[in-house]
Amino acid sequence: MGAGCRPLTACLLLLSALRAGSGDGSLPSPGSGDPPAAALNPSAASSPGPLGRHFGKSRLLVISAPGPLDTSYRLMERQVDLGKGALRCDLALRDLLVMVLFQGARPAQGRLLRVSKEGKVSEEKLGPEEVGQVSRRLSLEASQFGMVLLRKSLHVYERFPYAVRVEAVLEAVDQMPLRKVESMTRRAQKLKCKGSRPGRISGQVHTRRNLANRTTSTGTMSNRSPANRTKTSGAMANRSLVNRT
């Protein structure tokens, strides 16, 4: 039962992950309290709207803010800087799109940022009606900053009420069951994305760190667990960029 069962194990993982229709085939993360998008709207999976058209194809990071001058948004904007080639490749590898909503603007406006497998960035404008559809479906407050990470199945995987390091978002994606399967099945594929570091291959762009085993030391960040969030000299206690001193 050693190495010989690895292909079978990979196949079983793939079948279980894809059983829900090419989504991130599992229930929402414990404690999230968020039902699937299809439960919020029965036609979510088949709708050609701003979210439904990505069902089974892409994950989404939805960033909502009153406007572009919001403090938390400006912090997050620096994190999601698509001028960085390595970040573009990290997003492309994970099939992760970035949707930005400005609900406080009159009229409301937004945009969808997409990175191709070659590392090219394209931007799609979103009108007031589309912004309204997304904000209602995800229960995003117009007067507050907030982010939502969606699986390919349009389940809500995690909510962020504050700006966080982009590495924390990538780590969250890497914990999704389907993403783990993708890492195995795409491992032999050469990464063509411009900006990727030499020697990288698909599935190895971002080194996963065991969140439970993070240790706190000078110049390092502690575990994300609320029970373990402690500060040491030169260390940051949590992921929030707002709390940095």
C-alpha atoms as a PDB file:
ATOM      1  CA  MET A   1       0.000   0.000   0.000  1.00  0.00           C
ATOM      2  CA  GLY A   2       2.970   2.356  -0.540  1.00  0.00           C
ATOM      3  CA  ALA A   3       3.754   4.344  -3.636  1.00  0.00           C
ATOM      4  CA  GLY A   4       1.572   2.105  -5.786  1.00  0.00           C
ATOM      5  CA  CYS A   5      -1.672   3.602  -4.453  1.00  0.00           C
ATOM      6  CA  ARG A   6      -0.754   7.227  -5.086  1.00  0.00           C
ATOM      7  CA  PRO A   7      -2.392   7.447  -8.563  1.00  0.00           C
ATOM      8  CA  LEU A   8      -5.584   5.905  -7.159  1.00  0.00           C
ATOM      9  CA  THR A   9      -5.568   8.342  -4.244  1.00  0.00           C
ATOM     10  CA  ALA A  10      -5.147  11.297  -6.602  1.00  0.00           C
ATOM     11  CA  CYS A  11      -8.024  10.065  -8.763  1.00  0.00           C
ATOM     12  CA  LEU A  12     -10.313   9.640  -5.765  1.00  0.00           C
ATOM     13  CA  LEU A  13      -9.466  13.137  -4.549  1.00  0.00           C
ATOM     14  CA  LEU A  14     -10.134  14.548  -8.010  1.00  0.00           C
ATOM     15  CA  LEU A  15     -13.490  12.782  -8.344  1.00  0.00           C
ATOM     16  CA  SER A  16     -14.648  13.906  -4.902  1.00  0.00           C
ATOM     17  CA  ALA A  17     -13.550  17.498  -5.508  1.00  0.00           C
ATOM     18  CA  LEU A  18     -15.247  17.714  -8.914  1.00  0.00           C
ATOM     19  CA  ARG A  19     -18.425  15.938  -7.829  1.00  0.00           C
ATOM     20  CA  ALA A  20     -20.115  19.258  -7.074  1.00  0.00           C
ATOM     21  CA  GLY A  21     -19.772  20.444 -10.656  1.00  0.00           C
ATOM     22  CA  SER A  22     -16.214  21.634 -11.119  1.00  0.00           C
ATOM     23  CA  GLY A  23     -16.350  23.844  -8.064  1.00  0.00           C
ATOM     24  CA  ASP A  24     -14.107  23.667  -5.033  1.00  0.00           C
ATOM     25  CA  GLY A  25     -16.138  20.576  -4.138  1.00  0.00           C
ATOM     26  CA  SER A  26     -16.687  20.879  -0.422  1.00  0.00           C
ATOM     27  CA  LEU A  27     -18.900  22.609   2.089  1.00  0.00           C
ATOM     28  CA  PRO A  28     -18.117  26.135   3.272  1.00  0.00           C
ATOM     29  CA  SER A  29     -15.325  26.399   5.819  1.00  0.00           C
ATOM     30  CA  PRO A  30     -16.385  25.682   9.401  1.00  0.00           C
ATOM     31  CA  GLY A  31     -17.796  28.710  11.148  1.00  0.00           C
ATOM     32  CA  SER A  32     -18.213  30.740   7.967  1.00  0.00           C
ATOM     33  CA  GLY A  33     -22.005  30.588   8.244  1.00  0.00           C
ATOM     34  CA  ASP A  34     -22.317  31.400   4.554  1.00  0.00           C
ATOM     35  CA  PRO A  35     -24.559  29.242   2.355  1.00  0.00           C
ATOM     36  CA  PRO A  36     -23.605  28.471  -1.243  1.00  0.00           C
ATOM     37  CA  ALA A  37     -24.306  31.192  -3.778  1.00  0.00           C
ATOM     38  CA  ALA A  38     -26.872  28.871  -5.339  1.00  0.00           C
ATOM     39  CA  ALA A  39     -28.749  28.897  -2.026  1.00  0.00           C
ATOM     40  CA  LEU A  40     -28.759  32.692  -1.994  1.00  0.00           C
ATOM     41  CA  ASN A  41     -30.063  32.677  -5.537  1.00  0.00           C
ATOM     42  CA  PRO A  42     -31.296  29.395  -7.097  1.00  0.00           C
ATOM     43  CA  SER A  43     -30.146  30.520 -10.544  1.00  0.00           C
ATOM     44  CA  ALA A  44     -26.642  31.531  -9.407  1.00  0.00           C
ATOM     45  CA  ALA A  45     -24.887  28.670 -11.195  1.00  0.00           C
ATOM     46  CA  SER A  46     -26.649  29.250 -14.521  1.00  0.00           C
ATOM     47  CA  SER A  47     -26.907  33.042 -14.368  1.00  0.00           C
ATOM     48  CA  PRO A  48     -24.801  34.987 -16.891  1.00  0.00           C
ATOM     49  CA  GLY A  49     -24.401  37.732 -14.269  1.00  0.00           C
ATOM     50  CA  PRO A  50     -21.130  39.072 -12.850  1.00  0.00           C
ATOM     51  CA  LEU A  51     -20.678  36.041 -10.567  1.00  0.00           C
ATOM     52  CA  GLY A  52     -22.612  33.227 -12.234  1.00  0.00           C
ATOM     53  CA  ARG A  53     -20.582  33.309 -15.439  1.00  0.00           C
ATOM     54  CA  HIS A  54     -17.471  32.307 -13.472  1.00  0.00           C
ATOM     55  CA  PHE A  55     -19.088  29.240 -11.919  1.00  0.00           C
ATOM     56  CA  GLY A  56     -16.762  26.241 -12.182  1.00  0.00           C
ATOM     57  CA  LYS A  57     -14.073  28.275 -13.952  1.00  0.00           C
ATOM     58  CA  SER A  58     -12.537  30.815 -11.604  1.00  0.00           C
ATOM     59  CA  ARG A  59     -12.185  31.745  -7.976  1.00  0.00           C
ATOM     60  CA  LEU A  60     -12.889  35.347  -7.049  1.00  0.00           C
ATOM     61  CA  LEU A  61     -11.554  37.789  -4.501  1.00  0.00           C
ATOM     62  CA  VAL A  62     -14.247  40.459  -4.179  1.00  0.00           C
ATOM     63  CA  ILE A  63     -13.042  43.722  -2.634  1.00  0.00           C
ATOM     64  CA  SER A  64     -15.751  46.188  -1.632  1.00  0.00           C
ATOM     65  CA  ALA A  65     -15.181  49.720  -0.365  1.00  0.00           C
ATOM     66  CA  PRO A  66     -17.124  52.995  -0.170  1.00  0.00           C
ATOM     67  CA  GLY A  67     -14.617  54.544  -2.587  1.00  0.00           C
ATOM     68  CA  PRO A  68     -11.013  54.536  -3.808  1.00  0.00           C
ATOM     69  CA  LEU A  69      -9.888  56.813  -0.934  1.00  0.00           C
ATOM     70  CA  ASP A  70     -10.990  54.365   1.766  1.00  0.00           C
ATOM     71  CA  THR A  71      -8.004  53.632   4.045  1.00  0.00           C
ATOM     72  CA  SER A  72      -8.431  49.841   4.041  1.00  0.00           C
ATOM     73  CA  TYR A  73      -8.878  49.794   0.293  1.00  0.00           C
ATOM     74  CA  ARG A  74      -5.712  51.794  -0.269  1.00  0.00           C
ATOM     75  CA  LEU A  75      -3.785  49.334   1.907  1.00  0.00           C
ATOM     76  CA  MET A  76      -5.201  46.406  -0.055  1.00  0.00           C
ATOM     77  CA  GLU A  77      -4.544  48.140  -3.364  1.00  0.00           C
ATOM     78  CA  ARG A  78      -0.833  48.144  -2.539  1.00  0.00           C
ATOM     79  CA  GLN A  79      -1.008  44.429  -1.774  1.00  0.00           C
ATOM     80  CA  VAL A  80      -2.800  43.500  -5.001  1.00  0.00           C
ATOM     81  CA  ASP A  81      -0.342  45.332  -7.247  1.00  0.00           C
ATOM     82  CA  LEU A  82      -0.597  43.634 -10.629  1.00  0.00           C
ATOM     83  CA  GLY A  83       2.494  45.484 -11.767  1.00  0.00           C
ATOM     84  CA  LYS A  84       4.400  42.723  -9.950  1.00  0.00           C
ATOM     85  CA  GLY A  85       5.050  39.871 -12.359  1.00  0.00           C
ATOM     86  CA  ALA A  86       5.296  37.236  -9.630  1.00  0.00           C
ATOM     87  CA  LEU A  87       1.882  38.187  -8.208  1.00  0.00           C
ATOM     88  CA  ARG A  88       0.286  38.064 -11.651  1.00  0.00           C
ATOM     89  CA  CYS A  89       1.545  34.498 -12.014  1.00  0.00           C
ATOM     90  CA  ASP A  90       0.334  33.561  -8.530  1.00  0.00           C
ATOM     91  CA  LEU A  91      -3.189  34.727  -9.427  1.00  0.00           C
ATOM     92  CA  ALA A  92      -3.166  33.057 -12.852  1.00  0.00           C
ATOM     93  CA  LEU A  93      -1.955  29.765 -11.404  1.00  0.00           C
ATOM     94  CA  ARG A  94      -4.838  29.719  -8.919  1.00  0.00           C
ATOM     95  CA  ASP A  95      -7.489  30.822 -11.457  1.00  0.00           C
ATOM     96  CA  LEU A  96      -8.106  33.751  -9.109  1.00  0.00           C
ATOM     97  CA  LEU A  97      -9.838  36.901 -10.366  1.00  0.00           C
ATOM     98  CA  VAL A  98     -10.018  40.186  -8.468  1.00  0.00           C
ATOM     99  CA  MET A  99     -13.310  42.096  -8.437  1.00  0.00           C
ATOM    100  CA  VAL A 100     -13.317  45.638  -7.022  1.00  0.00           C
ATOM    101  CA  LEU A 101     -16.570  47.373  -6.042  1.00  0.00           C
ATOM    102  CA  PHE A 102     -16.984  51.040  -5.082  1.00  0.00           C
ATOM    103  CA  GLN A 103     -20.472  51.176  -3.631  1.00  0.00           C
ATOM    104  CA  GLY A 104     -20.232  54.691  -2.214  1.00  0.00           C
ATOM    105  CA  ALA A 105     -19.646  56.222  -5.648  1.00  0.00           C
ATOM    106  CA  ARG A 106     -22.595  57.770  -7.452  1.00  0.00           C
ATOM    107  CA  PRO A 107     -23.302  55.847  -9.526  1.00  0.00           C
ATOM    108  CA  ALA A 108     -21.720  52.720  -8.041  1.00  0.00           C
ATOM    109  CA  GLN A 109     -18.882  51.350 -10.149  1.00  0.00           C
ATOM    110  CA  GLY A 110     -16.522  48.440 -10.242  1.00  0.00           C
ATOM    111  CA  ARG A 111     -14.057  46.467 -12.293  1.00  0.00           C
ATOM    112  CA  LEU A 112     -12.956  42.880 -12.791  1.00  0.00           C
ATOM    113  CA  LEU A 113      -9.232  42.182 -13.100  1.00  0.00           C
ATOM    114  CA  ARG A 114      -8.177  39.018 -14.883  1.00  0.00           C
ATOM    115  CA  VAL A 115      -4.677  37.614 -15.460  1.00  0.00           C
ATOM    116  CA  SER A 116      -4.143  35.249 -18.382  1.00  0.00           C
ATOM    117  CA  LYS A 117      -1.953  32.151 -18.162  1.00  0.00           C
ATOM    118  CA  GLU A 118       0.741  34.186 -19.952  1.00  0.00           C
ATOM    119  CA  GLY A 119       0.605  36.913 -17.307  1.00  0.00           C
ATOM    120  CA  LYS A 120      -1.335  39.531 -19.280  1.00  0.00           C
ATOM    121  CA  VAL A 121      -3.767  41.686 -17.293  1.00  0.00           C
ATOM    122  CA  SER A 122      -7.190  42.630 -18.650  1.00  0.00           C
ATOM    123  CA  GLU A 123      -9.784  44.862 -17.002  1.00  0.00           C
ATOM    124  CA  GLU A 124     -13.546  44.743 -17.401  1.00  0.00           C
ATOM    125  CA  LYS A 125     -15.758  47.587 -16.197  1.00  0.00           C
ATOM    126  CA  LEU A 126     -18.792  46.825 -14.044  1.00  0.00           C
ATOM    127  CA  GLY A 127     -21.851  49.054 -14.068  1.00  0.00           C
ATOM    128  CA  PRO A 128     -24.135  50.062 -11.169  1.00  0.00           C
ATOM    129  CA  GLU A 129     -26.548  47.189 -11.775  1.00  0.00           C
ATOM    130  CA  GLU A 130     -23.795  44.562 -11.728  1.00  0.00           C
ATOM    131  CA  VAL A 131     -22.231  46.100  -8.608  1.00  0.00           C
ATOM    132  CA  GLY A 132     -25.621  45.979  -6.912  1.00  0.00           C
ATOM    133  CA  GLN A 133     -26.160  42.322  -7.838  1.00  0.00           C
ATOM    134  CA  VAL A 134     -22.823  41.275  -6.359  1.00  0.00           C
ATOM    135  CA  SER A 135     -23.166  43.338  -3.180  1.00  0.00           C
ATOM    136  CA  ARG A 136     -26.650  41.988  -2.485  1.00  0.00           C
ATOM    137  CA  ARG A 137     -25.692  38.384  -3.122  1.00  0.00           C
ATOM    138  CA  LEU A 138     -22.634  38.599  -0.875  1.00  0.00           C
ATOM    139  CA  SER A 139     -24.254  40.882   1.743  1.00  0.00           C
ATOM    140  CA  LEU A 140     -21.611  43.597   1.390  1.00  0.00           C
ATOM    141  CA  GLU A 141     -22.275  46.872   3.187  1.00  0.00           C
ATOM    142  CA  ALA A 142     -21.994  49.964   0.999  1.00  0.00           C
ATOM    143  CA  SER A 143     -20.495  52.056   3.806  1.00  0.00           C
ATOM    144  CA  GLN A 144     -17.885  49.536   4.978  1.00  0.00           C
ATOM    145  CA  PHE A 145     -14.771  47.891   3.618  1.00  0.00           C
ATOM    146  CA  GLY A 146     -14.939  44.137   3.205  1.00  0.00           C
ATOM    147  CA  MET A 147     -13.533  41.284   1.124  1.00  0.00           C
ATOM    148  CA  VAL A 148     -14.965  37.896   0.215  1.00  0.00           C
ATOM    149  CA  LEU A 149     -13.051  34.936  -1.187  1.00  0.00           C
ATOM    150  CA  LEU A 150     -15.213  32.677  -3.364  1.00  0.00           C
ATOM    151  CA  ARG A 151     -14.562  29.113  -4.429  1.00  0.00           C
ATOM    152  CA  LYS A 152     -15.105  28.015  -8.030  1.00  0.00           C
ATOM    153  CA  SER A 153     -18.439  26.630  -6.850  1.00  0.00           C
ATOM    154  CA  LEU A 154     -19.354  30.194  -5.721  1.00  0.00           C
ATOM    155  CA  HIS A 155     -19.370  29.135  -2.066  1.00  0.00           C
ATOM    156  CA  VAL A 156     -18.076  31.799   0.285  1.00  0.00           C
ATOM    157  CA  TYR A 157     -14.768  30.410   1.585  1.00  0.00           C
ATOM    158  CA  GLU A 158     -13.646  33.279   3.802  1.00  0.00           C
ATOM    159  CA  ARG A 159     -14.555  36.851   4.676  1.00  0.00           C
ATOM    160  CA  PHE A 160     -12.000  39.542   5.500  1.00  0.00           C
ATOM    161  CA  PRO A 161     -13.355  42.633   7.318  1.00  0.00           C
ATOM    162  CA  TYR A 162      -9.985  44.380   6.962  1.00  0.00           C
ATOM    163  CA  ALA A 163      -7.053  44.567   4.569  1.00  0.00           C
ATOM    164  CA  VAL A 164      -4.689  41.591   4.769  1.00  0.00           C
ATOM    165  CA  ARG A 165      -1.424  40.524   3.193  1.00  0.00           C
ATOM    166  CA  VAL A 166      -1.953  39.104  -0.276  1.00  0.00           C
ATOM    167  CA  GLU A 167       0.043  36.060   0.873  1.00  0.00           C
ATOM    168  CA  ALA A 168      -2.740  35.308   3.372  1.00  0.00           C
ATOM    169  CA  VAL A 169      -5.264  35.258   0.518  1.00  0.00           C
ATOM    170  CA  LEU A 170      -3.071  32.912  -1.533  1.00  0.00           C
ATOM    171  CA  GLU A 171      -2.640  30.630   1.479  1.00  0.00           C
ATOM    172  CA  ALA A 172      -6.416  30.484   1.924  1.00  0.00           C
ATOM    173  CA  VAL A 173      -6.825  29.488  -1.732  1.00  0.00           C
ATOM    174  CA  ASP A 174      -4.177  26.790  -1.342  1.00  0.00           C
ATOM    175  CA  GLN A 175      -6.220  25.210   1.479  1.00  0.00           C
ATOM    176  CA  MET A 176      -9.204  24.620  -0.820  1.00  0.00           C
ATOM    177  CA  PRO A 177      -9.684  20.927  -1.672  1.00  0.00           C
ATOM    178  CA  LEU A 178      -9.831  21.431  -5.431  1.00  0.00           C
ATOM    179  CA  ARG A 179      -6.747  23.633  -5.356  1.00  0.00           C
ATOM    180  CA  LYS A 180      -4.832  20.828  -3.635  1.00  0.00           C
ATOM    181  CA  VAL A 181      -5.861  18.464  -6.424  1.00  0.00           C
ATOM    182  CA  GLU A 182      -4.842  21.036  -9.039  1.00  0.00           C
ATOM    183  CA  SER A 183      -1.414  21.294  -7.431  1.00  0.00           C
ATOM    184  CA  MET A 184      -0.900  17.565  -7.999  1.00  0.00           C
ATOM    185  CA  THR A 185      -2.392  17.300 -11.480  1.00  0.00           C
ATOM    186  CA  ARG A 186      -0.664  20.432 -12.816  1.00  0.00           C
ATOM    187  CA  ARG A 187       2.711  19.726 -11.290  1.00  0.00           C
ATOM    188  CA  ALA A 188       4.218  18.541 -14.564  1.00  0.00           C
ATOM    189  CA  GLN A 189       2.993  21.567 -16.532  1.00  0.00           C
ATOM    190  CA  LYS A 190       5.592  24.234 -17.249  1.00  0.00           C
ATOM    191  CA  LEU A 191       4.606  27.694 -16.065  1.00  0.00           C
ATOM    192  CA  LYS A 192       4.508  30.059 -19.049  1.00  0.00           C
ATOM    193  CA  CYS A 193       3.483  33.126 -17.095  1.00  0.00           C
ATOM    194  CA  LYS A 194       5.775  36.117 -17.626  1.00  0.00           C
ATOM    195  CA  GLY A 195       7.230  37.274 -14.356  1.00  0.00           C
ATOM    196  CA  SER A 196       7.497  33.831 -12.789  1.00  0.00           C
ATOM    197  CA  ARG A 197      10.790  32.988 -11.187  1.00  0.00           C
ATOM    198  CA  PRO A 198      13.155  30.653 -13.082  1.00  0.00           C
ATOM    199  CA  GLY A 199      12.729  27.008 -12.218  1.00  0.00           C
ATOM    200  CA  ARG A 200       9.151  27.307 -11.029  1.00  0.00           C
ATOM    201  CA  ILE A 201       6.550  24.888 -12.318  1.00  0.00           C
ATOM    202  CA  SER A 202       2.795  24.915 -12.023  1.00  0.00           C
ATOM    203  CA  GLY A 203       1.663  24.023  -8.527  1.00  0.00           C
ATOM    204  CA  GLN A 204       4.821  25.325  -6.871  1.00  0.00           C
ATOM    205  CA  VAL A 205       4.508  29.084  -7.287  1.00  0.00           C
ATOM    206  CA  HIS A 206       3.590  29.719  -3.662  1.00  0.00           C
ATOM    207  CA  THR A 207       5.153  27.703  -0.886  1.00  0.00           C
ATOM    208  CA  ARG A 208       2.431  26.520   1.439  1.00  0.00           C
ATOM    209  CA  ARG A 209       3.039  26.973   5.115  1.00  0.00           C
ATOM    210  CA  ASN A 210       1.285  24.922   7.740  1.00  0.00           C
ATOM    211  CA  LEU A 211      -0.837  27.524   9.497  1.00  0.00           C
ATOM    212  CA  ALA A 212      -0.897  25.435  12.663  1.00  0.00           C
ATOM    213  CA  ASN A 213       2.891  25.283  12.867  1.00  0.00           C
ATOM    214  CA  ARG A 214       3.785  28.926  12.463  1.00  0.00           C
ATOM    215  CA  THR A 215       6.056  30.050  15.251  1.00  0.00           C
ATOM    216  CA  THR A 216       6.474  33.565  16.535  1.00  0.00           C
ATOM    217  CA  SER A 217       9.964  35.032  16.463  1.00  0.00           C
ATOM    218  CA  THR A 218      11.602  38.396  15.856  1.00  0.00           C
ATOM    219  CA  GLY A 219      10.657  39.671  12.405  1.00  0.00           C
ATOM    220  CA  THR A 220       8.118  36.889  11.776  1.00  0.00           C
ATOM    221  CA  MET A 221       4.349  36.655  11.848  1.00  0.00           C
ATOM    222  CA  SER A 222       2.445  34.475  14.311  1.00  0.00           C
ATOM    223  CA  ASN A 223      -0.318  31.965  13.704  1.00  0.00           C
ATOM    224  CA  ARG A 224      -3.596  33.345  12.356  1.00  0.00           C
ATOM    225  CA  SER A 225      -5.469  31.542  15.129  1.00  0.00           C
ATOM    226  CA  PRO A 226      -7.032  34.119  17.507  1.00  0.00           C
ATOM    227  CA  ALA A 227      -5.782  32.088  20.457  1.00  0.00           C
ATOM    228  CA  ASN A 228      -2.191  32.323  19.264  1.00  0.00           C
ATOM    229  CA  ARG A 229      -2.066  35.933  18.150  1.00  0.00           C
ATOM    230  CA  THR A 230       0.693  37.379  20.311  1.00  0.00           C
ATOM    231  CA  LYS A 231       3.276  40.033  19.620  1.00  0.00           C
ATOM    232  CA  THR A 232       7.019  39.771  19.951  1.00  0.00           C
ATOM    233  CA  SER A 233       9.681  42.342  19.244  1.00  0.00           C
ATOM    234  CA  GLY A 234       9.447  43.364  15.595  1.00  0.00           C
ATOM    235  CA  ALA A 235       6.698  40.813  14.922  1.00  0.00           C
ATOM    236  CA  MET A 236       3.145  41.356  13.682  1.00  0.00           C
ATOM    237  CA  ALA A 237       0.395  39.612  15.612  1.00  0.00           C
ATOM    238  CA  ASN A 238      -2.152  39.136  12.846  1.00  0.00           C
ATOM    239  CA  ARG A 239      -2.812  39.484   9.146  1.00  0.00           C
ATOM    240  CA  SER A 240      -4.484  42.865   9.353  1.00  0.00           C
ATOM    241  CA  LEU A 241      -2.547  45.645   7.662  1.00  0.00           C
ATOM    242  CA  VAL A 242      -4.535  48.215   9.619  1.00  0.00           C
ATOM    243  CA  ASN A 243      -2.966  47.043  12.897  1.00  0.00           C
ATOM    244  CA  ARG A 244       0.593  47.532  11.777  1.00  0.00           C
ATOM    245  CA  THR A 245       2.544  49.999  13.878  1.00  0.00           C
END
